[in-house]
Amino acid sequence: MNAIIARTLIELLVSLELSDEESVSVEASAVLAEDAATSLGALSDTERAELISIITQMGEEAGDKDRRQALQDLPEGLGLTE
């Protein structure tokens, strides 16, 4: 898995999650997250574990409390831990 692409996708998803409704509607954010989750469902077990590891590392590096929490919630929200 390309770590740069994974980190970029993760940052985008977290930014959507943390955006206010004036910037991005709740509906649009939900649709984009669902589309990402559907696509990520095709990952192999190894790729899924690698992505979760990248998300976990990014959460540990996050300085902002809200961003850290969004990163902690992301694997479950994307259906990676099911």
C-alpha atoms as a PDB file:
ATOM      1  CA  MET A   1       0.000   0.000   0.000  1.00  0.00           C
ATOM      2  CA  ASN A   2       1.275   3.442  -0.854  1.00  0.00           C
ATOM      3  CA  ALA A   3       1.564   5.263   2.489  1.00  0.00           C
ATOM      4  CA  ILE A   4       1.403   8.729   0.927  1.00  0.00           C
ATOM      5  CA  ILE A   5      -1.867   7.948  -0.837  1.00  0.00           C
ATOM      6  CA  ALA A   6      -3.256   6.311   2.319  1.00  0.00           C
ATOM      7  CA  ARG A   7      -2.327   9.311   4.479  1.00  0.00           C
ATOM      8  CA  THR A   8      -3.861  11.691   1.938  1.00  0.00           C
ATOM      9  CA  LEU A   9      -7.134   9.753   1.905  1.00  0.00           C
ATOM     10  CA  ILE A  10      -7.180   9.586   5.696  1.00  0.00           C
ATOM     11  CA  GLU A  11      -6.556  13.331   6.016  1.00  0.00           C
ATOM     12  CA  LEU A  12      -9.350  14.032   3.550  1.00  0.00           C
ATOM     13  CA  LEU A  13     -11.806  11.815   5.430  1.00  0.00           C
ATOM     14  CA  VAL A  14     -10.882  13.335   8.789  1.00  0.00           C
ATOM     15  CA  SER A  15     -11.184  16.850   7.383  1.00  0.00           C
ATOM     16  CA  LEU A  16     -14.653  15.991   6.083  1.00  0.00           C
ATOM     17  CA  GLU A  17     -15.607  14.611   9.491  1.00  0.00           C
ATOM     18  CA  LEU A  18     -14.399  17.726  11.277  1.00  0.00           C
ATOM     19  CA  SER A  19     -15.769  20.274   8.812  1.00  0.00           C
ATOM     20  CA  ASP A  20     -18.713  22.422   9.781  1.00  0.00           C
ATOM     21  CA  GLU A  21     -22.000  22.173   7.923  1.00  0.00           C
ATOM     22  CA  GLU A  22     -21.418  25.529   6.234  1.00  0.00           C
ATOM     23  CA  SER A  23     -18.321  24.136   4.531  1.00  0.00           C
ATOM     24  CA  VAL A  24     -19.566  20.649   3.690  1.00  0.00           C
ATOM     25  CA  SER A  25     -23.083  19.399   4.184  1.00  0.00           C
ATOM     26  CA  VAL A  26     -23.593  16.480   6.529  1.00  0.00           C
ATOM     27  CA  GLU A  27     -25.221  14.542   3.700  1.00  0.00           C
ATOM     28  CA  ALA A  28     -22.313  15.101   1.309  1.00  0.00           C
ATOM     29  CA  SER A  29     -19.790  14.148   3.967  1.00  0.00           C
ATOM     30  CA  ALA A  30     -21.713  10.956   4.758  1.00  0.00           C
ATOM     31  CA  VAL A  31     -21.962   9.959   1.090  1.00  0.00           C
ATOM     32  CA  LEU A  32     -18.238  10.484   0.549  1.00  0.00           C
ATOM     33  CA  ALA A  33     -17.361   8.475   3.667  1.00  0.00           C
ATOM     34  CA  GLU A  34     -19.714   5.666   2.609  1.00  0.00           C
ATOM     35  CA  ASP A  35     -18.178   5.604  -0.868  1.00  0.00           C
ATOM     36  CA  ALA A  36     -14.695   5.396   0.646  1.00  0.00           C
ATOM     37  CA  ALA A  37     -15.794   2.611   3.006  1.00  0.00           C
ATOM     38  CA  THR A  38     -17.256   0.655   0.097  1.00  0.00           C
ATOM     39  CA  SER A  39     -14.047   0.964  -1.918  1.00  0.00           C
ATOM     40  CA  LEU A  40     -11.873   0.082   1.066  1.00  0.00           C
ATOM     41  CA  GLY A  41     -13.969  -3.043   1.601  1.00  0.00           C
ATOM     42  CA  ALA A  42     -12.023  -4.581  -1.289  1.00  0.00           C
ATOM     43  CA  LEU A  43      -8.732  -4.443   0.639  1.00  0.00           C
ATOM     44  CA  SER A  44      -7.030  -7.690   1.533  1.00  0.00           C
ATOM     45  CA  ASP A  45      -6.599  -8.508   5.221  1.00  0.00           C
ATOM     46  CA  THR A  46      -2.956  -7.457   4.985  1.00  0.00           C
ATOM     47  CA  GLU A  47      -3.817  -4.129   3.328  1.00  0.00           C
ATOM     48  CA  ARG A  48      -6.583  -3.518   5.839  1.00  0.00           C
ATOM     49  CA  ALA A  49      -4.176  -4.094   8.740  1.00  0.00           C
ATOM     50  CA  GLU A  50      -1.620  -1.781   7.126  1.00  0.00           C
ATOM     51  CA  LEU A  51      -4.225   0.970   6.689  1.00  0.00           C
ATOM     52  CA  ILE A  52      -5.368   0.611  10.300  1.00  0.00           C
ATOM     53  CA  SER A  53      -1.727   0.853  11.373  1.00  0.00           C
ATOM     54  CA  ILE A  54      -1.278   4.077   9.392  1.00  0.00           C
ATOM     55  CA  ILE A  55      -4.463   5.530  10.891  1.00  0.00           C
ATOM     56  CA  THR A  56      -3.316   4.562  14.400  1.00  0.00           C
ATOM     57  CA  GLN A  57       0.080   6.161  13.838  1.00  0.00           C
ATOM     58  CA  MET A  58      -1.545   9.345  12.544  1.00  0.00           C
ATOM     59  CA  GLY A  59      -3.766   9.425  15.629  1.00  0.00           C
ATOM     60  CA  GLU A  60      -0.739   9.161  17.885  1.00  0.00           C
ATOM     61  CA  GLU A  61       0.923  12.023  15.994  1.00  0.00           C
ATOM     62  CA  ALA A  62      -2.142  14.284  15.989  1.00  0.00           C
ATOM     63  CA  GLY A  63      -1.774  17.333  18.206  1.00  0.00           C
ATOM     64  CA  ASP A  64      -5.419  18.340  18.068  1.00  0.00           C
ATOM     65  CA  LYS A  65      -7.792  16.458  20.393  1.00  0.00           C
ATOM     66  CA  ASP A  66     -10.693  16.444  17.904  1.00  0.00           C
ATOM     67  CA  ARG A  67      -8.477  15.202  15.065  1.00  0.00           C
ATOM     68  CA  ARG A  68      -7.024  12.492  17.314  1.00  0.00           C
ATOM     69  CA  GLN A  69     -10.530  11.320  18.260  1.00  0.00           C
ATOM     70  CA  ALA A  70     -11.681  11.335  14.630  1.00  0.00           C
ATOM     71  CA  LEU A  71      -8.669   9.206  13.711  1.00  0.00           C
ATOM     72  CA  GLN A  72      -9.362   6.782  16.564  1.00  0.00           C
ATOM     73  CA  ASP A  73     -12.960   6.395  15.345  1.00  0.00           C
ATOM     74  CA  LEU A  74     -12.078   6.114  11.649  1.00  0.00           C
ATOM     75  CA  PRO A  75     -11.268   2.381  11.317  1.00  0.00           C
ATOM     76  CA  GLU A  76     -14.625   1.382  12.785  1.00  0.00           C
ATOM     77  CA  GLY A  77     -16.460   4.094  10.838  1.00  0.00           C
ATOM     78  CA  LEU A  78     -15.019   2.787   7.589  1.00  0.00           C
ATOM     79  CA  GLY A  79     -15.845  -0.813   8.466  1.00  0.00           C
ATOM     80  CA  LEU A  80     -12.183  -1.803   8.647  1.00  0.00           C
ATOM     81  CA  THR A  81     -12.506  -3.513  12.029  1.00  0.00           C
ATOM     82  CA  GLU A  82     -15.548  -5.645  11.277  1.00  0.00           C
END
